[in-house]
Amino acid sequence: MSFNKETYDEILAKGLCAGLNSDSGQVCIEAAISLALGEGLNDKPPCVHPRISALTITLNDQRWSSSEARAIGLYKLGLAQLGTRVGDKYSKYSEIENLMRDKIIKRKVLPVLKTIYTEPQYQEELAKFEDRSDLLRLRNFTTFCKQRFAIVIGLDSLNSNLYCYYFLAALSNIKLLQKEDPTLTDEDLVYVADLITETLEELGHSNEFDSIWKKQKETTYEV
């Protein structure tokens, strides 16, 4: 099955819509891939792993500032997905959500918690994340706070959303913890799109469009 990048580029140049398609002729990112494969209008491209497709559809259907912003933000991710479906639903790509969750905890959650819980006993507990950043440690920290009657507003919701792989809701939780507007911006959505492509690269994924969606080889990723 051949992927026509010219068709893909032409479709995205028109912008992308939320949902499968729109009256204006726009489609979603997964439908753009399917059309470029000659598969017709559908949001289940046969060469994309179902978990990755589900993550991308969720991103696609968020409230981007414009259809053009949606297309720009998802362009690389669309190309990165190609070839991730290898016939085994339990392939290495099935682990992508767990890897993404750990990255969000280390990069987004921990820095915020360190600014909120500044007392020595909490900082000592947070330091344990340096060894391993995962959901279990975050839950343990939440329990630690509760046992000391610390404010945990938002932490339970954050734990729940990360457990269910609701990454966008988790980002909103993080904003609330910082007393910010929880509305997700284009920048937030692009962050998740880039996180998916980064994790795909770490999992060893490669396709003919590596030079477009992969970061430079000298880049060293952190968990």
N, C-alpha and C. Protein backbone atom coordinates (compact mmCIF):
# COMPACT_ATOMS: atom_id res chain seq x y z
N MET A 1 0.84 -1.19 0.00
CA MET A 1 0.00 0.00 0.00
C MET A 1 0.88 1.24 0.00
N SER A 2 0.72 2.11 -0.97
CA SER A 2 1.59 3.27 -1.15
C SER A 2 0.96 4.53 -0.57
N PHE A 3 1.77 5.29 0.16
CA PHE A 3 1.32 6.54 0.75
C PHE A 3 1.71 7.69 -0.17
N ASN A 4 0.73 8.50 -0.56
CA ASN A 4 0.97 9.63 -1.45
C ASN A 4 1.13 10.90 -0.62
N LYS A 5 2.37 11.31 -0.43
CA LYS A 5 2.61 12.48 0.41
C LYS A 5 2.08 13.76 -0.22
N GLU A 6 2.06 13.83 -1.53
CA GLU A 6 1.52 15.02 -2.17
C GLU A 6 0.04 15.20 -1.84
N THR A 7 -0.68 14.08 -1.85
CA THR A 7 -2.10 14.13 -1.47
C THR A 7 -2.25 14.56 -0.02
N TYR A 8 -1.42 13.98 0.84
CA TYR A 8 -1.43 14.33 2.26
C TYR A 8 -1.19 15.83 2.46
N ASP A 9 -0.19 16.36 1.79
CA ASP A 9 0.14 17.78 1.91
C ASP A 9 -1.00 18.66 1.40
N GLU A 10 -1.61 18.26 0.31
CA GLU A 10 -2.72 19.03 -0.25
C GLU A 10 -3.91 19.07 0.71
N ILE A 11 -4.17 17.95 1.34
CA ILE A 11 -5.29 17.88 2.29
C ILE A 11 -5.02 18.77 3.49
N LEU A 12 -3.82 18.67 4.05
CA LEU A 12 -3.53 19.46 5.24
C LEU A 12 -3.40 20.95 4.94
N ALA A 13 -3.08 21.29 3.71
CA ALA A 13 -2.99 22.70 3.33
C ALA A 13 -4.35 23.39 3.45
N LYS A 14 -5.41 22.61 3.43
CA LYS A 14 -6.77 23.16 3.57
C LYS A 14 -7.18 23.31 5.02
N GLY A 15 -6.33 22.79 5.94
CA GLY A 15 -6.68 22.78 7.35
C GLY A 15 -7.38 21.48 7.71
N LEU A 16 -7.42 21.18 8.99
CA LEU A 16 -8.08 19.97 9.47
C LEU A 16 -9.26 20.33 10.36
N CYS A 17 -10.27 19.48 10.36
CA CYS A 17 -11.47 19.73 11.16
C CYS A 17 -11.55 18.76 12.33
N ALA A 18 -12.37 19.10 13.32
CA ALA A 18 -12.71 18.16 14.39
C ALA A 18 -13.76 17.21 13.83
N GLY A 19 -13.69 15.95 14.23
CA GLY A 19 -14.61 14.97 13.64
C GLY A 19 -14.05 14.45 12.33
N LEU A 20 -14.73 13.50 11.74
CA LEU A 20 -14.23 12.86 10.53
C LEU A 20 -14.06 13.82 9.37
N ASN A 21 -15.09 14.61 9.08
CA ASN A 21 -15.02 15.57 7.98
C ASN A 21 -16.01 16.70 8.21
N SER A 22 -15.95 17.72 7.36
CA SER A 22 -16.82 18.88 7.51
C SER A 22 -17.42 19.25 6.17
N ASP A 23 -18.44 20.09 6.21
CA ASP A 23 -19.11 20.55 4.99
C ASP A 23 -18.18 21.35 4.09
N SER A 24 -17.14 21.93 4.69
CA SER A 24 -16.20 22.75 3.91
C SER A 24 -15.18 21.90 3.16
N GLY A 25 -15.23 20.58 3.38
CA GLY A 25 -14.31 19.70 2.66
C GLY A 25 -13.07 19.32 3.44
N GLN A 26 -12.97 19.81 4.66
CA GLN A 26 -11.84 19.43 5.50
C GLN A 26 -12.09 18.06 6.14
N VAL A 27 -11.01 17.40 6.53
CA VAL A 27 -11.11 16.10 7.20
C VAL A 27 -10.21 16.11 8.43
N CYS A 28 -10.28 15.04 9.21
CA CYS A 28 -9.40 14.91 10.37
C CYS A 28 -8.05 14.34 9.92
N ILE A 29 -7.09 14.32 10.83
CA ILE A 29 -5.75 13.86 10.48
C ILE A 29 -5.73 12.39 10.07
N GLU A 30 -6.50 11.55 10.76
CA GLU A 30 -6.49 10.13 10.41
C GLU A 30 -7.16 9.90 9.05
N ALA A 31 -8.18 10.67 8.75
CA ALA A 31 -8.83 10.57 7.44
C ALA A 31 -7.88 11.04 6.34
N ALA A 32 -7.06 12.04 6.64
CA ALA A 32 -6.08 12.52 5.67
C ALA A 32 -5.09 11.41 5.33
N ILE A 33 -4.68 10.65 6.35
CA ILE A 33 -3.77 9.53 6.11
C ILE A 33 -4.45 8.47 5.25
N SER A 34 -5.69 8.15 5.59
CA SER A 34 -6.43 7.12 4.84
C SER A 34 -6.58 7.52 3.38
N LEU A 35 -6.91 8.77 3.14
CA LEU A 35 -7.09 9.25 1.76
C LEU A 35 -5.76 9.22 1.00
N ALA A 36 -4.69 9.57 1.69
CA ALA A 36 -3.37 9.54 1.04
C ALA A 36 -2.92 8.12 0.74
N LEU A 37 -3.52 7.15 1.44
CA LEU A 37 -3.24 5.74 1.18
C LEU A 37 -4.17 5.15 0.11
N GLY A 38 -5.12 5.96 -0.34
CA GLY A 38 -6.09 5.47 -1.32
C GLY A 38 -7.18 4.62 -0.70
N GLU A 39 -7.38 4.78 0.62
CA GLU A 39 -8.34 3.96 1.35
C GLU A 39 -9.75 4.54 1.38
N GLY A 40 -9.91 5.76 0.93
CA GLY A 40 -11.21 6.39 1.03
C GLY A 40 -11.37 7.08 2.37
N LEU A 41 -12.54 7.68 2.58
CA LEU A 41 -12.77 8.49 3.78
C LEU A 41 -13.08 7.61 4.99
N ASN A 42 -12.13 7.49 5.90
CA ASN A 42 -12.34 6.82 7.19
C ASN A 42 -11.23 7.25 8.13
N ASP A 43 -11.43 7.02 9.43
CA ASP A 43 -10.44 7.46 10.42
C ASP A 43 -9.68 6.29 11.04
N LYS A 44 -9.57 5.21 10.28
CA LYS A 44 -8.84 4.03 10.76
C LYS A 44 -7.84 3.56 9.71
N PRO A 45 -6.81 4.35 9.47
CA PRO A 45 -5.80 3.94 8.49
C PRO A 45 -5.19 2.59 8.86
N PRO A 46 -5.11 1.67 7.92
CA PRO A 46 -4.68 0.30 8.23
C PRO A 46 -3.23 0.16 8.66
N CYS A 47 -2.41 1.17 8.43
CA CYS A 47 -0.99 1.05 8.77
C CYS A 47 -0.65 1.73 10.10
N VAL A 48 -1.67 2.17 10.83
CA VAL A 48 -1.44 2.88 12.09
C VAL A 48 -1.94 2.04 13.27
N HIS A 49 -1.11 1.90 14.29
CA HIS A 49 -1.49 1.13 15.48
C HIS A 49 -2.72 1.77 16.14
N PRO A 50 -3.69 0.96 16.55
CA PRO A 50 -4.94 1.50 17.12
C PRO A 50 -4.73 2.44 18.31
N ARG A 51 -3.78 2.15 19.18
CA ARG A 51 -3.55 3.01 20.33
C ARG A 51 -3.03 4.38 19.91
N ILE A 52 -2.15 4.39 18.94
CA ILE A 52 -1.61 5.65 18.45
C ILE A 52 -2.69 6.43 17.71
N SER A 53 -3.50 5.74 16.95
CA SER A 53 -4.60 6.38 16.24
C SER A 53 -5.58 7.00 17.23
N ALA A 54 -5.89 6.29 18.31
CA ALA A 54 -6.82 6.81 19.31
C ALA A 54 -6.27 8.07 19.98
N LEU A 55 -4.98 8.06 20.31
CA LEU A 55 -4.36 9.25 20.90
C LEU A 55 -4.44 10.44 19.95
N THR A 56 -4.20 10.17 18.67
CA THR A 56 -4.18 11.23 17.68
C THR A 56 -5.57 11.80 17.42
N ILE A 57 -6.57 10.94 17.39
CA ILE A 57 -7.94 11.40 17.19
C ILE A 57 -8.37 12.30 18.35
N THR A 58 -8.01 11.91 19.56
CA THR A 58 -8.32 12.74 20.72
C THR A 58 -7.69 14.12 20.58
N LEU A 59 -6.45 14.16 20.15
CA LEU A 59 -5.77 15.43 19.92
C LEU A 59 -6.46 16.23 18.82
N ASN A 60 -6.77 15.56 17.72
CA ASN A 60 -7.39 16.20 16.58
C ASN A 60 -8.69 16.91 16.96
N ASP A 61 -9.47 16.28 17.83
CA ASP A 61 -10.81 16.77 18.13
C ASP A 61 -10.85 17.81 19.24
N GLN A 62 -9.68 18.24 19.72
CA GLN A 62 -9.65 19.31 20.71
C GLN A 62 -9.94 20.66 20.05
N ARG A 63 -10.13 21.66 20.89
CA ARG A 63 -10.45 23.01 20.40
C ARG A 63 -9.16 23.77 20.07
N TRP A 64 -8.66 23.51 18.89
CA TRP A 64 -7.51 24.27 18.40
C TRP A 64 -7.98 25.68 18.05
N SER A 65 -7.05 26.60 17.95
CA SER A 65 -7.41 27.99 17.65
C SER A 65 -7.96 28.14 16.24
N SER A 66 -7.59 27.24 15.35
CA SER A 66 -8.08 27.29 13.97
C SER A 66 -7.83 25.95 13.30
N SER A 67 -8.47 25.73 12.17
CA SER A 67 -8.24 24.49 11.42
C SER A 67 -6.82 24.45 10.88
N GLU A 68 -6.27 25.62 10.59
CA GLU A 68 -4.89 25.69 10.11
C GLU A 68 -3.91 25.31 11.22
N ALA A 69 -4.18 25.79 12.44
CA ALA A 69 -3.32 25.46 13.58
C ALA A 69 -3.36 23.96 13.86
N ARG A 70 -4.53 23.36 13.70
CA ARG A 70 -4.68 21.92 13.90
C ARG A 70 -3.82 21.16 12.88
N ALA A 71 -3.85 21.60 11.63
CA ALA A 71 -3.08 20.93 10.58
C ALA A 71 -1.58 21.07 10.81
N ILE A 72 -1.15 22.25 11.19
CA ILE A 72 0.28 22.49 11.44
C ILE A 72 0.74 21.68 12.65
N GLY A 73 -0.08 21.67 13.70
CA GLY A 73 0.29 20.99 14.93
C GLY A 73 0.36 19.48 14.80
N LEU A 74 -0.42 18.91 13.88
CA LEU A 74 -0.48 17.46 13.74
C LEU A 74 0.25 16.93 12.51
N TYR A 75 0.84 17.81 11.75
CA TYR A 75 1.48 17.40 10.48
C TYR A 75 2.54 16.32 10.69
N LYS A 76 3.49 16.56 11.57
CA LYS A 76 4.58 15.59 11.79
C LYS A 76 4.07 14.29 12.40
N LEU A 77 3.14 14.41 13.33
CA LEU A 77 2.59 13.22 13.97
C LEU A 77 1.89 12.33 12.94
N GLY A 78 1.21 12.95 12.00
CA GLY A 78 0.55 12.17 10.96
C GLY A 78 1.53 11.31 10.20
N LEU A 79 2.66 11.88 9.85
CA LEU A 79 3.69 11.12 9.11
C LEU A 79 4.39 10.10 10.01
N ALA A 80 4.59 10.46 11.26
CA ALA A 80 5.29 9.57 12.19
C ALA A 80 4.53 8.27 12.42
N GLN A 81 3.20 8.32 12.37
CA GLN A 81 2.38 7.14 12.64
C GLN A 81 2.52 6.03 11.62
N LEU A 82 2.86 6.40 10.40
CA LEU A 82 2.85 5.44 9.30
C LEU A 82 3.74 4.24 9.60
N GLY A 83 3.18 3.05 9.47
CA GLY A 83 3.94 1.82 9.66
C GLY A 83 3.98 1.32 11.09
N THR A 84 3.19 1.92 11.99
CA THR A 84 3.21 1.47 13.39
C THR A 84 2.34 0.24 13.61
N ARG A 85 1.44 -0.04 12.70
CA ARG A 85 0.62 -1.25 12.84
C ARG A 85 1.32 -2.40 12.14
N VAL A 86 1.75 -3.36 12.95
CA VAL A 86 2.54 -4.47 12.40
C VAL A 86 1.83 -5.81 12.55
N GLY A 87 0.53 -5.77 12.80
CA GLY A 87 -0.26 -6.98 12.86
C GLY A 87 -0.45 -7.56 14.24
N ASP A 88 0.33 -7.11 15.21
CA ASP A 88 0.22 -7.63 16.57
C ASP A 88 -0.22 -6.52 17.49
N LYS A 89 -1.43 -6.64 18.03
CA LYS A 89 -1.95 -5.58 18.89
C LYS A 89 -1.15 -5.45 20.18
N TYR A 90 -0.33 -6.47 20.51
CA TYR A 90 0.49 -6.41 21.70
C TYR A 90 1.95 -6.08 21.34
N SER A 91 2.14 -5.37 20.28
CA SER A 91 3.48 -4.99 19.84
C SER A 91 4.05 -3.94 20.79
N LYS A 92 5.29 -3.54 20.51
CA LYS A 92 5.96 -2.56 21.38
C LYS A 92 5.20 -1.24 21.44
N TYR A 93 4.42 -0.94 20.43
CA TYR A 93 3.68 0.32 20.43
C TYR A 93 2.53 0.33 21.43
N SER A 94 2.18 -0.83 21.95
CA SER A 94 1.14 -0.90 22.97
C SER A 94 1.60 -0.26 24.28
N GLU A 95 2.91 -0.05 24.42
CA GLU A 95 3.47 0.53 25.65
C GLU A 95 3.60 2.03 25.57
N ILE A 96 3.21 2.63 24.48
CA ILE A 96 3.47 4.05 24.28
C ILE A 96 2.83 4.92 25.35
N GLU A 97 1.64 4.55 25.80
CA GLU A 97 0.94 5.38 26.79
C GLU A 97 1.66 5.37 28.14
N ASN A 98 2.17 4.21 28.54
CA ASN A 98 2.91 4.14 29.81
C ASN A 98 4.17 5.00 29.76
N LEU A 99 4.86 4.96 28.65
CA LEU A 99 6.08 5.76 28.51
C LEU A 99 5.76 7.25 28.50
N MET A 100 4.69 7.62 27.81
CA MET A 100 4.28 9.03 27.79
C MET A 100 3.90 9.50 29.18
N ARG A 101 3.20 8.66 29.92
CA ARG A 101 2.76 9.04 31.26
C ARG A 101 3.95 9.33 32.16
N ASP A 102 4.98 8.48 32.11
CA ASP A 102 6.15 8.69 32.94
C ASP A 102 6.86 10.00 32.58
N LYS A 103 6.90 10.31 31.29
CA LYS A 103 7.54 11.56 30.85
C LYS A 103 6.77 12.77 31.37
N ILE A 104 5.45 12.72 31.32
CA ILE A 104 4.63 13.83 31.80
C ILE A 104 4.82 14.03 33.30
N ILE A 105 4.90 12.93 34.04
CA ILE A 105 5.09 13.03 35.48
C ILE A 105 6.43 13.71 35.79
N LYS A 106 7.48 13.28 35.11
CA LYS A 106 8.80 13.85 35.38
C LYS A 106 8.94 15.29 34.88
N ARG A 107 8.44 15.55 33.70
CA ARG A 107 8.68 16.86 33.08
C ARG A 107 7.66 17.92 33.47
N LYS A 108 6.42 17.50 33.70
CA LYS A 108 5.36 18.47 33.96
C LYS A 108 4.90 18.48 35.42
N VAL A 109 4.70 17.28 35.99
CA VAL A 109 4.10 17.20 37.32
C VAL A 109 5.10 17.53 38.42
N LEU A 110 6.26 16.88 38.40
CA LEU A 110 7.23 17.06 39.49
C LEU A 110 7.68 18.50 39.66
N PRO A 111 8.03 19.23 38.60
CA PRO A 111 8.44 20.63 38.80
C PRO A 111 7.37 21.46 39.50
N VAL A 112 6.10 21.19 39.19
CA VAL A 112 5.01 21.94 39.81
C VAL A 112 4.88 21.57 41.28
N LEU A 113 4.93 20.27 41.58
CA LEU A 113 4.79 19.84 42.97
C LEU A 113 5.93 20.38 43.84
N LYS A 114 7.10 20.50 43.26
CA LYS A 114 8.24 21.01 44.03
C LYS A 114 8.07 22.47 44.40
N THR A 115 7.32 23.21 43.59
CA THR A 115 7.07 24.63 43.92
C THR A 115 5.91 24.79 44.89
N ILE A 116 5.03 23.80 44.97
CA ILE A 116 3.87 23.88 45.86
C ILE A 116 4.21 23.35 47.25
N TYR A 117 4.87 22.18 47.30
CA TYR A 117 5.20 21.54 48.57
C TYR A 117 6.67 21.80 48.89
N THR A 118 6.92 22.96 49.50
CA THR A 118 8.30 23.41 49.68
C THR A 118 8.92 22.99 51.02
N GLU A 119 8.08 22.49 51.94
CA GLU A 119 8.62 22.09 53.23
C GLU A 119 9.57 20.90 53.06
N PRO A 120 10.59 20.81 53.94
CA PRO A 120 11.62 19.76 53.80
C PRO A 120 11.07 18.35 53.70
N GLN A 121 10.04 18.03 54.51
CA GLN A 121 9.54 16.65 54.48
C GLN A 121 8.91 16.29 53.14
N TYR A 122 8.28 17.26 52.50
CA TYR A 122 7.67 17.01 51.19
C TYR A 122 8.75 16.96 50.10
N GLN A 123 9.73 17.84 50.21
CA GLN A 123 10.82 17.83 49.23
C GLN A 123 11.59 16.50 49.29
N GLU A 124 11.73 15.99 50.50
CA GLU A 124 12.42 14.70 50.66
C GLU A 124 11.63 13.58 50.00
N GLU A 125 10.33 13.64 50.13
CA GLU A 125 9.48 12.62 49.52
C GLU A 125 9.49 12.76 47.99
N LEU A 126 9.48 13.99 47.51
CA LEU A 126 9.51 14.22 46.06
C LEU A 126 10.84 13.79 45.45
N ALA A 127 11.90 13.87 46.25
CA ALA A 127 13.22 13.49 45.74
C ALA A 127 13.26 12.03 45.33
N LYS A 128 12.36 11.23 45.86
CA LYS A 128 12.33 9.81 45.52
C LYS A 128 11.98 9.60 44.04
N PHE A 129 11.37 10.60 43.42
CA PHE A 129 11.02 10.49 42.01
C PHE A 129 12.24 10.51 41.11
N GLU A 130 13.36 10.99 41.63
CA GLU A 130 14.56 11.06 40.81
C GLU A 130 15.01 9.67 40.39
N ASP A 131 14.69 8.69 41.21
CA ASP A 131 15.06 7.31 40.90
C ASP A 131 14.12 6.74 39.84
N ARG A 132 12.84 7.02 39.98
CA ARG A 132 11.88 6.49 39.01
C ARG A 132 10.62 7.37 39.04
N SER A 133 10.26 7.90 37.89
CA SER A 133 9.07 8.75 37.81
C SER A 133 7.92 7.93 37.26
N ASP A 134 7.03 7.50 38.13
CA ASP A 134 5.91 6.72 37.64
C ASP A 134 4.66 7.02 38.47
N LEU A 135 3.56 6.43 38.04
CA LEU A 135 2.28 6.72 38.67
C LEU A 135 2.24 6.23 40.12
N LEU A 136 2.89 5.10 40.40
CA LEU A 136 2.88 4.57 41.76
C LEU A 136 3.51 5.56 42.74
N ARG A 137 4.62 6.16 42.35
CA ARG A 137 5.28 7.12 43.23
C ARG A 137 4.41 8.36 43.42
N LEU A 138 3.72 8.77 42.36
CA LEU A 138 2.83 9.93 42.47
C LEU A 138 1.68 9.62 43.43
N ARG A 139 1.15 8.42 43.35
CA ARG A 139 0.08 8.02 44.27
C ARG A 139 0.60 7.97 45.71
N ASN A 140 1.81 7.46 45.88
CA ASN A 140 2.40 7.41 47.21
C ASN A 140 2.58 8.81 47.78
N PHE A 141 2.97 9.74 46.93
CA PHE A 141 3.15 11.12 47.39
C PHE A 141 1.80 11.73 47.78
N THR A 142 0.77 11.44 47.00
CA THR A 142 -0.57 11.95 47.32
C THR A 142 -1.02 11.42 48.68
N THR A 143 -0.80 10.14 48.92
CA THR A 143 -1.14 9.54 50.22
C THR A 143 -0.32 10.18 51.34
N PHE A 144 0.96 10.43 51.08
CA PHE A 144 1.84 11.07 52.05
C PHE A 144 1.29 12.44 52.44
N CYS A 145 0.82 13.19 51.47
CA CYS A 145 0.25 14.51 51.73
C CYS A 145 -1.03 14.41 52.57
N LYS A 146 -1.87 13.47 52.21
CA LYS A 146 -3.13 13.30 52.94
C LYS A 146 -2.88 12.94 54.40
N GLN A 147 -1.90 12.11 54.64
CA GLN A 147 -1.60 11.68 56.00
C GLN A 147 -1.11 12.84 56.86
N ARG A 148 -0.62 13.90 56.22
CA ARG A 148 -0.13 15.06 56.94
C ARG A 148 -1.07 16.25 56.78
N PHE A 149 -2.28 15.96 56.33
CA PHE A 149 -3.33 16.96 56.18
C PHE A 149 -2.91 18.11 55.26
N ALA A 150 -2.06 17.78 54.30
CA ALA A 150 -1.66 18.79 53.32
C ALA A 150 -2.76 18.97 52.29
N ILE A 151 -2.76 20.11 51.61
CA ILE A 151 -3.75 20.37 50.57
C ILE A 151 -3.46 19.46 49.37
N VAL A 152 -4.46 18.69 48.97
CA VAL A 152 -4.27 17.77 47.84
C VAL A 152 -5.31 18.02 46.74
N ILE A 153 -5.92 19.21 46.78
CA ILE A 153 -6.91 19.53 45.75
C ILE A 153 -6.29 19.41 44.36
N GLY A 154 -6.88 18.61 43.54
CA GLY A 154 -6.38 18.44 42.18
C GLY A 154 -5.47 17.24 42.02
N LEU A 155 -4.82 16.80 43.11
CA LEU A 155 -3.89 15.68 42.99
C LEU A 155 -4.62 14.37 42.70
N ASP A 156 -5.74 14.17 43.35
CA ASP A 156 -6.50 12.95 43.10
C ASP A 156 -6.99 12.89 41.66
N SER A 157 -7.47 14.01 41.15
CA SER A 157 -7.92 14.05 39.76
C SER A 157 -6.76 13.82 38.80
N LEU A 158 -5.62 14.38 39.14
CA LEU A 158 -4.43 14.19 38.31
C LEU A 158 -4.04 12.71 38.28
N ASN A 159 -4.03 12.08 39.44
CA ASN A 159 -3.73 10.65 39.50
C ASN A 159 -4.69 9.85 38.64
N SER A 160 -5.96 10.14 38.77
CA SER A 160 -6.99 9.41 38.04
C SER A 160 -6.85 9.59 36.54
N ASN A 161 -6.62 10.81 36.10
CA ASN A 161 -6.49 11.07 34.66
C ASN A 161 -5.25 10.42 34.07
N LEU A 162 -4.15 10.44 34.81
CA LEU A 162 -2.94 9.80 34.32
C LEU A 162 -3.10 8.28 34.29
N TYR A 163 -3.81 7.74 35.27
CA TYR A 163 -4.06 6.30 35.30
C TYR A 163 -4.84 5.85 34.06
N CYS A 164 -5.79 6.69 33.64
CA CYS A 164 -6.64 6.36 32.49
C CYS A 164 -6.04 6.83 31.17
N TYR A 165 -4.83 7.36 31.21
CA TYR A 165 -4.15 7.90 30.01
C TYR A 165 -4.89 9.11 29.44
N TYR A 166 -5.60 9.84 30.29
CA TYR A 166 -6.26 11.07 29.84
C TYR A 166 -5.24 12.20 29.96
N PHE A 167 -4.30 12.21 29.02
CA PHE A 167 -3.17 13.13 29.14
C PHE A 167 -3.58 14.60 29.04
N LEU A 168 -4.54 14.88 28.20
CA LEU A 168 -4.97 16.27 28.05
C LEU A 168 -5.65 16.78 29.31
N ALA A 169 -6.49 15.94 29.91
CA ALA A 169 -7.12 16.30 31.18
C ALA A 169 -6.06 16.48 32.26
N ALA A 170 -5.03 15.64 32.22
CA ALA A 170 -3.95 15.76 33.20
C ALA A 170 -3.22 17.10 33.06
N LEU A 171 -3.00 17.54 31.83
CA LEU A 171 -2.36 18.84 31.62
C LEU A 171 -3.22 19.96 32.18
N SER A 172 -4.54 19.82 32.05
CA SER A 172 -5.45 20.81 32.65
C SER A 172 -5.33 20.81 34.16
N ASN A 173 -5.24 19.61 34.74
CA ASN A 173 -5.05 19.48 36.19
C ASN A 173 -3.78 20.20 36.64
N ILE A 174 -2.72 20.02 35.88
CA ILE A 174 -1.44 20.65 36.22
C ILE A 174 -1.57 22.17 36.20
N LYS A 175 -2.30 22.68 35.23
CA LYS A 175 -2.52 24.13 35.16
C LYS A 175 -3.30 24.62 36.37
N LEU A 176 -4.30 23.84 36.78
CA LEU A 176 -5.09 24.21 37.96
C LEU A 176 -4.24 24.22 39.22
N LEU A 177 -3.33 23.26 39.33
CA LEU A 177 -2.43 23.22 40.48
C LEU A 177 -1.59 24.49 40.56
N GLN A 178 -1.31 25.07 39.40
CA GLN A 178 -0.52 26.31 39.34
C GLN A 178 -1.40 27.54 39.39
N LYS A 179 -2.73 27.31 39.59
CA LYS A 179 -3.73 28.39 39.65
C LYS A 179 -3.77 29.15 38.33
N GLU A 180 -3.67 28.41 37.25
CA GLU A 180 -3.76 28.98 35.92
C GLU A 180 -5.07 28.57 35.26
N ASP A 181 -5.40 29.24 34.18
CA ASP A 181 -6.57 28.87 33.38
C ASP A 181 -6.33 27.46 32.84
N PRO A 182 -7.23 26.52 33.13
CA PRO A 182 -7.02 25.12 32.70
C PRO A 182 -7.28 24.87 31.22
N THR A 183 -7.74 25.89 30.50
CA THR A 183 -8.01 25.71 29.09
C THR A 183 -6.73 25.37 28.34
N LEU A 184 -6.78 24.33 27.53
CA LEU A 184 -5.59 23.92 26.77
C LEU A 184 -5.40 24.81 25.56
N THR A 185 -4.17 25.21 25.33
CA THR A 185 -3.82 26.06 24.19
C THR A 185 -3.23 25.21 23.07
N ASP A 186 -3.02 25.83 21.92
CA ASP A 186 -2.35 25.13 20.83
C ASP A 186 -0.99 24.60 21.28
N GLU A 187 -0.31 25.38 22.09
CA GLU A 187 1.02 24.98 22.57
C GLU A 187 0.93 23.69 23.39
N ASP A 188 -0.10 23.58 24.23
CA ASP A 188 -0.30 22.37 25.03
C ASP A 188 -0.56 21.16 24.13
N LEU A 189 -1.38 21.37 23.11
CA LEU A 189 -1.75 20.28 22.21
C LEU A 189 -0.55 19.83 21.38
N VAL A 190 0.25 20.78 20.94
CA VAL A 190 1.46 20.45 20.19
C VAL A 190 2.45 19.70 21.08
N TYR A 191 2.49 20.07 22.35
CA TYR A 191 3.37 19.37 23.30
C TYR A 191 3.05 17.88 23.32
N VAL A 192 1.77 17.54 23.38
CA VAL A 192 1.38 16.13 23.42
C VAL A 192 1.67 15.46 22.08
N ALA A 193 1.41 16.16 20.97
CA ALA A 193 1.71 15.60 19.65
C ALA A 193 3.20 15.28 19.52
N ASP A 194 4.03 16.22 19.97
CA ASP A 194 5.48 16.01 19.91
C ASP A 194 5.92 14.89 20.86
N LEU A 195 5.22 14.76 21.98
CA LEU A 195 5.55 13.70 22.92
C LEU A 195 5.29 12.33 22.32
N ILE A 196 4.23 12.22 21.54
CA ILE A 196 3.92 10.96 20.87
C ILE A 196 5.02 10.62 19.87
N THR A 197 5.40 11.58 19.05
CA THR A 197 6.43 11.32 18.04
C THR A 197 7.77 10.99 18.70
N GLU A 198 8.09 11.69 19.78
CA GLU A 198 9.34 11.42 20.50
C GLU A 198 9.35 10.00 21.05
N THR A 199 8.22 9.59 21.62
CA THR A 199 8.15 8.25 22.19
C THR A 199 8.20 7.18 21.11
N LEU A 200 7.60 7.45 19.97
CA LEU A 200 7.69 6.52 18.84
C LEU A 200 9.15 6.32 18.44
N GLU A 201 9.88 7.42 18.39
CA GLU A 201 11.30 7.31 18.02
C GLU A 201 12.07 6.50 19.05
N GLU A 202 11.78 6.73 20.32
CA GLU A 202 12.46 5.97 21.37
C GLU A 202 12.14 4.48 21.30
N LEU A 203 10.96 4.15 20.82
CA LEU A 203 10.57 2.76 20.68
C LEU A 203 11.20 2.10 19.45
N GLY A 204 11.97 2.89 18.70
CA GLY A 204 12.68 2.34 17.56
C GLY A 204 11.92 2.43 16.25
N HIS A 205 10.82 3.20 16.25
CA HIS A 205 10.03 3.30 15.03
C HIS A 205 10.77 4.11 13.97
N SER A 206 10.61 3.69 12.73
CA SER A 206 11.24 4.38 11.61
C SER A 206 10.40 4.19 10.36
N ASN A 207 10.35 5.22 9.53
CA ASN A 207 9.70 5.08 8.22
C ASN A 207 10.37 6.02 7.23
N GLU A 208 9.84 6.09 6.04
CA GLU A 208 10.52 6.85 4.98
C GLU A 208 10.52 8.36 5.22
N PHE A 209 9.77 8.82 6.22
CA PHE A 209 9.69 10.26 6.49
C PHE A 209 10.43 10.66 7.76
N ASP A 210 11.39 9.84 8.17
CA ASP A 210 12.17 10.11 9.38
C ASP A 210 12.74 11.52 9.39
N SER A 211 13.24 11.98 8.26
CA SER A 211 13.90 13.28 8.20
C SER A 211 12.95 14.43 8.50
N ILE A 212 11.64 14.18 8.41
CA ILE A 212 10.65 15.22 8.67
C ILE A 212 10.21 15.22 10.13
N TRP A 213 9.90 14.02 10.68
CA TRP A 213 9.30 13.99 12.01
C TRP A 213 10.26 13.68 13.15
N LYS A 214 11.41 13.09 12.85
CA LYS A 214 12.33 12.78 13.93
C LYS A 214 13.17 13.99 14.32
N LYS A 215 13.57 14.01 15.59
CA LYS A 215 14.48 15.04 16.04
C LYS A 215 15.88 14.66 15.58
N GLN A 216 16.82 15.60 15.71
CA GLN A 216 18.18 15.33 15.25
C GLN A 216 18.78 14.21 16.08
N LYS A 217 19.62 13.42 15.43
CA LYS A 217 20.17 12.22 16.07
C LYS A 217 20.94 12.51 17.34
N GLU A 218 21.56 13.69 17.41
CA GLU A 218 22.37 13.97 18.60
C GLU A 218 21.53 14.31 19.81
N THR A 219 20.21 14.49 19.61
CA THR A 219 19.33 14.80 20.72
C THR A 219 19.27 13.63 21.70
N THR A 220 19.43 13.91 22.99
CA THR A 220 19.30 12.89 24.01
C THR A 220 18.00 13.13 24.78
N TYR A 221 17.13 12.17 24.76
CA TYR A 221 15.85 12.30 25.42
C TYR A 221 15.95 11.91 26.89
N GLU A 222 15.14 12.54 27.71
CA GLU A 222 15.00 12.16 29.11
C GLU A 222 13.67 11.49 29.30
N VAL A 223 13.62 10.57 30.23
CA VAL A 223 12.35 9.89 30.51
C VAL A 223 11.37 10.89 31.11
